[in-house]
């Protein structure tokens, strides 16, 4: 994971720093026991973008899309958005010209990928992330 922040130095000026964090060791309980943290000074007129962080998935060797933290497919994201808006599986199937069975399969995949027990729980999580 990486992000940047601004700090004030001795002469009252500010500098930008990018902090890179990498988990090195996790115990059996899933807690970090060793972490590599690296700080890089950012030179010049740096303006911090709104999405100034990245999350790296070491298992897949890719940076995750911060707009899609659950790594859903485009179709799954589309269906999740419609569920969030209050549409039922039948309504979504009609809207997307798919069978209800297909929509229900996508719903199961969404719950598996997000580790949510149900869509009420998932929608509550989504509201926290907004």
C-alpha atoms as a PDB file:
ATOM      1  CA  UNK A   1       0.000   0.000   0.000  1.00  0.00           C
ATOM      2  CA  UNK A   2       1.246   3.518  -0.649  1.00  0.00           C
ATOM      3  CA  UNK A   3       0.026   7.019   0.056  1.00  0.00           C
ATOM      4  CA  UNK A   4       1.463  10.502   0.387  1.00  0.00           C
ATOM      5  CA  UNK A   5       1.242  13.205   3.000  1.00  0.00           C
ATOM      6  CA  UNK A   6       2.675  16.621   3.764  1.00  0.00           C
ATOM      7  CA  UNK A   7       4.871  17.400   6.769  1.00  0.00           C
ATOM      8  CA  UNK A   8       6.333  20.626   8.109  1.00  0.00           C
ATOM      9  CA  UNK A   9      10.103  20.718   8.517  1.00  0.00           C
ATOM     10  CA  UNK A  10      12.320  22.834  10.819  1.00  0.00           C
ATOM     11  CA  UNK A  11      12.354  25.966   8.638  1.00  0.00           C
ATOM     12  CA  UNK A  12       8.507  26.037   8.666  1.00  0.00           C
ATOM     13  CA  UNK A  13       8.348  24.872   5.033  1.00  0.00           C
ATOM     14  CA  UNK A  14       6.402  21.807   3.970  1.00  0.00           C
ATOM     15  CA  UNK A  15       7.577  18.778   2.041  1.00  0.00           C
ATOM     16  CA  UNK A  16       5.637  15.907   0.495  1.00  0.00           C
ATOM     17  CA  UNK A  17       6.497  12.334   1.418  1.00  0.00           C
ATOM     18  CA  UNK A  18       5.271   9.106  -0.160  1.00  0.00           C
ATOM     19  CA  UNK A  19       5.025   6.221   2.287  1.00  0.00           C
ATOM     20  CA  UNK A  20       5.180   2.667   0.960  1.00  0.00           C
ATOM     21  CA  UNK A  21       4.095  -0.185   3.244  1.00  0.00           C
ATOM     22  CA  UNK A  22       4.527  -3.888   2.600  1.00  0.00           C
ATOM     23  CA  UNK A  23       3.485  -6.718   4.898  1.00  0.00           C
ATOM     24  CA  UNK A  24       6.377  -9.120   5.330  1.00  0.00           C
ATOM     25  CA  UNK A  25       5.026 -11.505   7.936  1.00  0.00           C
ATOM     26  CA  UNK A  26       1.555 -12.276   9.271  1.00  0.00           C
ATOM     27  CA  UNK A  27       0.899 -14.518  12.277  1.00  0.00           C
ATOM     28  CA  UNK A  28      -1.635 -17.346  12.455  1.00  0.00           C
ATOM     29  CA  UNK A  29      -4.286 -14.919  13.727  1.00  0.00           C
ATOM     30  CA  UNK A  30      -3.873 -12.761  10.621  1.00  0.00           C
ATOM     31  CA  UNK A  31      -2.102  -9.901  12.415  1.00  0.00           C
ATOM     32  CA  UNK A  32       0.963  -8.183  10.967  1.00  0.00           C
ATOM     33  CA  UNK A  33       4.155  -9.105  12.772  1.00  0.00           C
ATOM     34  CA  UNK A  34       6.660  -7.572  10.332  1.00  0.00           C
ATOM     35  CA  UNK A  35       6.142  -4.682   7.952  1.00  0.00           C
ATOM     36  CA  UNK A  36       8.517  -2.939   5.573  1.00  0.00           C
ATOM     37  CA  UNK A  37       7.905   0.822   5.491  1.00  0.00           C
ATOM     38  CA  UNK A  38       9.758   3.060   3.056  1.00  0.00           C
ATOM     39  CA  UNK A  39       9.550   6.866   2.830  1.00  0.00           C
ATOM     40  CA  UNK A  40      10.349   8.793  -0.336  1.00  0.00           C
ATOM     41  CA  UNK A  41      10.580  12.564  -0.541  1.00  0.00           C
ATOM     42  CA  UNK A  42       8.574  13.987  -3.437  1.00  0.00           C
ATOM     43  CA  UNK A  43      10.293  16.958  -5.057  1.00  0.00           C
ATOM     44  CA  UNK A  44       8.798  19.856  -6.963  1.00  0.00           C
ATOM     45  CA  UNK A  45       5.299  21.279  -6.979  1.00  0.00           C
ATOM     46  CA  UNK A  46       3.415  18.182  -6.008  1.00  0.00           C
ATOM     47  CA  UNK A  47      -0.355  18.245  -5.857  1.00  0.00           C
ATOM     48  CA  UNK A  48      -1.893  15.265  -4.135  1.00  0.00           C
ATOM     49  CA  UNK A  49      -4.601  13.534  -6.194  1.00  0.00           C
ATOM     50  CA  UNK A  50      -7.866  12.531  -4.524  1.00  0.00           C
ATOM     51  CA  UNK A  51      -7.110   8.803  -4.845  1.00  0.00           C
ATOM     52  CA  UNK A  52      -3.569   9.041  -3.526  1.00  0.00           C
ATOM     53  CA  UNK A  53      -3.186   5.487  -2.354  1.00  0.00           C
ATOM     54  CA  UNK A  54      -2.697   2.093  -3.946  1.00  0.00           C
ATOM     55  CA  UNK A  55      -3.217  -1.399  -2.599  1.00  0.00           C
ATOM     56  CA  UNK A  56      -1.020  -4.190  -3.927  1.00  0.00           C
ATOM     57  CA  UNK A  57      -2.279  -7.788  -3.993  1.00  0.00           C
ATOM     58  CA  UNK A  58       0.838  -9.932  -3.607  1.00  0.00           C
ATOM     59  CA  UNK A  59      -1.027 -13.144  -4.470  1.00  0.00           C
ATOM     60  CA  UNK A  60      -2.026 -11.795  -7.888  1.00  0.00           C
ATOM     61  CA  UNK A  61       1.005  -9.498  -8.240  1.00  0.00           C
ATOM     62  CA  UNK A  62      -1.164  -6.508  -9.224  1.00  0.00           C
ATOM     63  CA  UNK A  63      -2.320  -3.188  -7.793  1.00  0.00           C
ATOM     64  CA  UNK A  64      -6.020  -3.317  -6.991  1.00  0.00           C
ATOM     65  CA  UNK A  65      -8.406  -0.836  -8.551  1.00  0.00           C
ATOM     66  CA  UNK A  66      -9.352   1.451  -5.654  1.00  0.00           C
ATOM     67  CA  UNK A  67     -12.720   2.080  -7.286  1.00  0.00           C
ATOM     68  CA  UNK A  68     -13.321  -1.677  -7.264  1.00  0.00           C
ATOM     69  CA  UNK A  69     -11.813  -2.901  -4.000  1.00  0.00           C
ATOM     70  CA  UNK A  70     -13.644  -6.235  -4.178  1.00  0.00           C
ATOM     71  CA  UNK A  71     -12.201  -6.974  -7.648  1.00  0.00           C
ATOM     72  CA  UNK A  72     -15.646  -7.518  -9.175  1.00  0.00           C
ATOM     73  CA  UNK A  73     -16.172  -7.981 -12.900  1.00  0.00           C
ATOM     74  CA  UNK A  74     -17.901  -5.172 -14.799  1.00  0.00           C
ATOM     75  CA  UNK A  75     -21.131  -7.179 -14.852  1.00  0.00           C
ATOM     76  CA  UNK A  76     -20.932  -7.947 -11.127  1.00  0.00           C
ATOM     77  CA  UNK A  77     -20.323  -4.267 -10.386  1.00  0.00           C
ATOM     78  CA  UNK A  78     -23.280  -3.310 -12.578  1.00  0.00           C
ATOM     79  CA  UNK A  79     -25.521  -5.793 -10.739  1.00  0.00           C
ATOM     80  CA  UNK A  80     -24.246  -4.630  -7.350  1.00  0.00           C
ATOM     81  CA  UNK A  81     -25.053  -1.025  -8.290  1.00  0.00           C
ATOM     82  CA  UNK A  82     -28.599  -2.062  -9.218  1.00  0.00           C
ATOM     83  CA  UNK A  83     -28.997  -4.011  -5.968  1.00  0.00           C
ATOM     84  CA  UNK A  84     -27.761  -0.921  -4.113  1.00  0.00           C
ATOM     85  CA  UNK A  85     -30.489   1.071  -5.897  1.00  0.00           C
ATOM     86  CA  UNK A  86     -33.075  -1.411  -4.597  1.00  0.00           C
ATOM     87  CA  UNK A  87     -33.784  -3.567  -7.657  1.00  0.00           C
ATOM     88  CA  UNK A  88     -34.720  -7.243  -7.187  1.00  0.00           C
ATOM     89  CA  UNK A  89     -33.084 -10.093  -9.130  1.00  0.00           C
ATOM     90  CA  UNK A  90     -36.143 -10.344 -11.381  1.00  0.00           C
ATOM     91  CA  UNK A  91     -36.058  -6.600 -12.124  1.00  0.00           C
ATOM     92  CA  UNK A  92     -32.312  -6.696 -12.794  1.00  0.00           C
ATOM     93  CA  UNK A  93     -32.754  -9.673 -15.142  1.00  0.00           C
ATOM     94  CA  UNK A  94     -35.386  -7.772 -17.126  1.00  0.00           C
ATOM     95  CA  UNK A  95     -33.294  -4.603 -17.185  1.00  0.00           C
ATOM     96  CA  UNK A  96     -30.140  -6.407 -18.414  1.00  0.00           C
ATOM     97  CA  UNK A  97     -31.924  -8.904 -20.687  1.00  0.00           C
ATOM     98  CA  UNK A  98     -30.514 -11.857 -18.719  1.00  0.00           C
ATOM     99  CA  UNK A  99     -32.181 -14.782 -16.967  1.00  0.00           C
ATOM    100  CA  UNK A 100     -32.948 -14.579 -13.254  1.00  0.00           C
ATOM    101  CA  UNK A 101     -30.718 -17.658 -12.824  1.00  0.00           C
ATOM    102  CA  UNK A 102     -27.772 -15.721 -14.333  1.00  0.00           C
ATOM    103  CA  UNK A 103     -28.400 -12.763 -12.018  1.00  0.00           C
ATOM    104  CA  UNK A 104     -28.649 -15.073  -8.993  1.00  0.00           C
ATOM    105  CA  UNK A 105     -25.317 -16.660  -9.977  1.00  0.00           C
ATOM    106  CA  UNK A 106     -23.723 -13.202 -10.154  1.00  0.00           C
ATOM    107  CA  UNK A 107     -25.227 -12.390  -6.749  1.00  0.00           C
ATOM    108  CA  UNK A 108     -23.604 -15.511  -5.235  1.00  0.00           C
ATOM    109  CA  UNK A 109     -20.258 -14.586  -6.807  1.00  0.00           C
ATOM    110  CA  UNK A 110     -20.521 -11.039  -5.429  1.00  0.00           C
ATOM    111  CA  UNK A 111     -21.159 -12.336  -1.904  1.00  0.00           C
ATOM    112  CA  UNK A 112     -18.221 -14.767  -2.196  1.00  0.00           C
ATOM    113  CA  UNK A 113     -15.799 -12.097  -3.447  1.00  0.00           C
ATOM    114  CA  UNK A 114     -16.823  -9.589  -0.783  1.00  0.00           C
ATOM    115  CA  UNK A 115     -16.994 -12.104   2.078  1.00  0.00           C
ATOM    116  CA  UNK A 116     -20.414 -10.707   2.962  1.00  0.00           C
ATOM    117  CA  UNK A 117     -23.090 -12.892   4.536  1.00  0.00           C
ATOM    118  CA  UNK A 118     -25.863 -11.064   2.695  1.00  0.00           C
ATOM    119  CA  UNK A 119     -26.508  -7.935   0.668  1.00  0.00           C
ATOM    120  CA  UNK A 120     -27.701  -5.923   3.667  1.00  0.00           C
ATOM    121  CA  UNK A 121     -24.257  -6.352   5.215  1.00  0.00           C
ATOM    122  CA  UNK A 122     -22.536  -5.530   1.922  1.00  0.00           C
ATOM    123  CA  UNK A 123     -24.595  -2.384   1.357  1.00  0.00           C
ATOM    124  CA  UNK A 124     -23.775  -1.182   4.880  1.00  0.00           C
ATOM    125  CA  UNK A 125     -20.071  -1.680   4.090  1.00  0.00           C
ATOM    126  CA  UNK A 126     -20.452   0.191   0.802  1.00  0.00           C
ATOM    127  CA  UNK A 127     -22.033   3.160   2.585  1.00  0.00           C
ATOM    128  CA  UNK A 128     -19.062   3.318   4.959  1.00  0.00           C
ATOM    129  CA  UNK A 129     -16.671   3.416   1.977  1.00  0.00           C
ATOM    130  CA  UNK A 130     -18.514   6.270   0.219  1.00  0.00           C
END
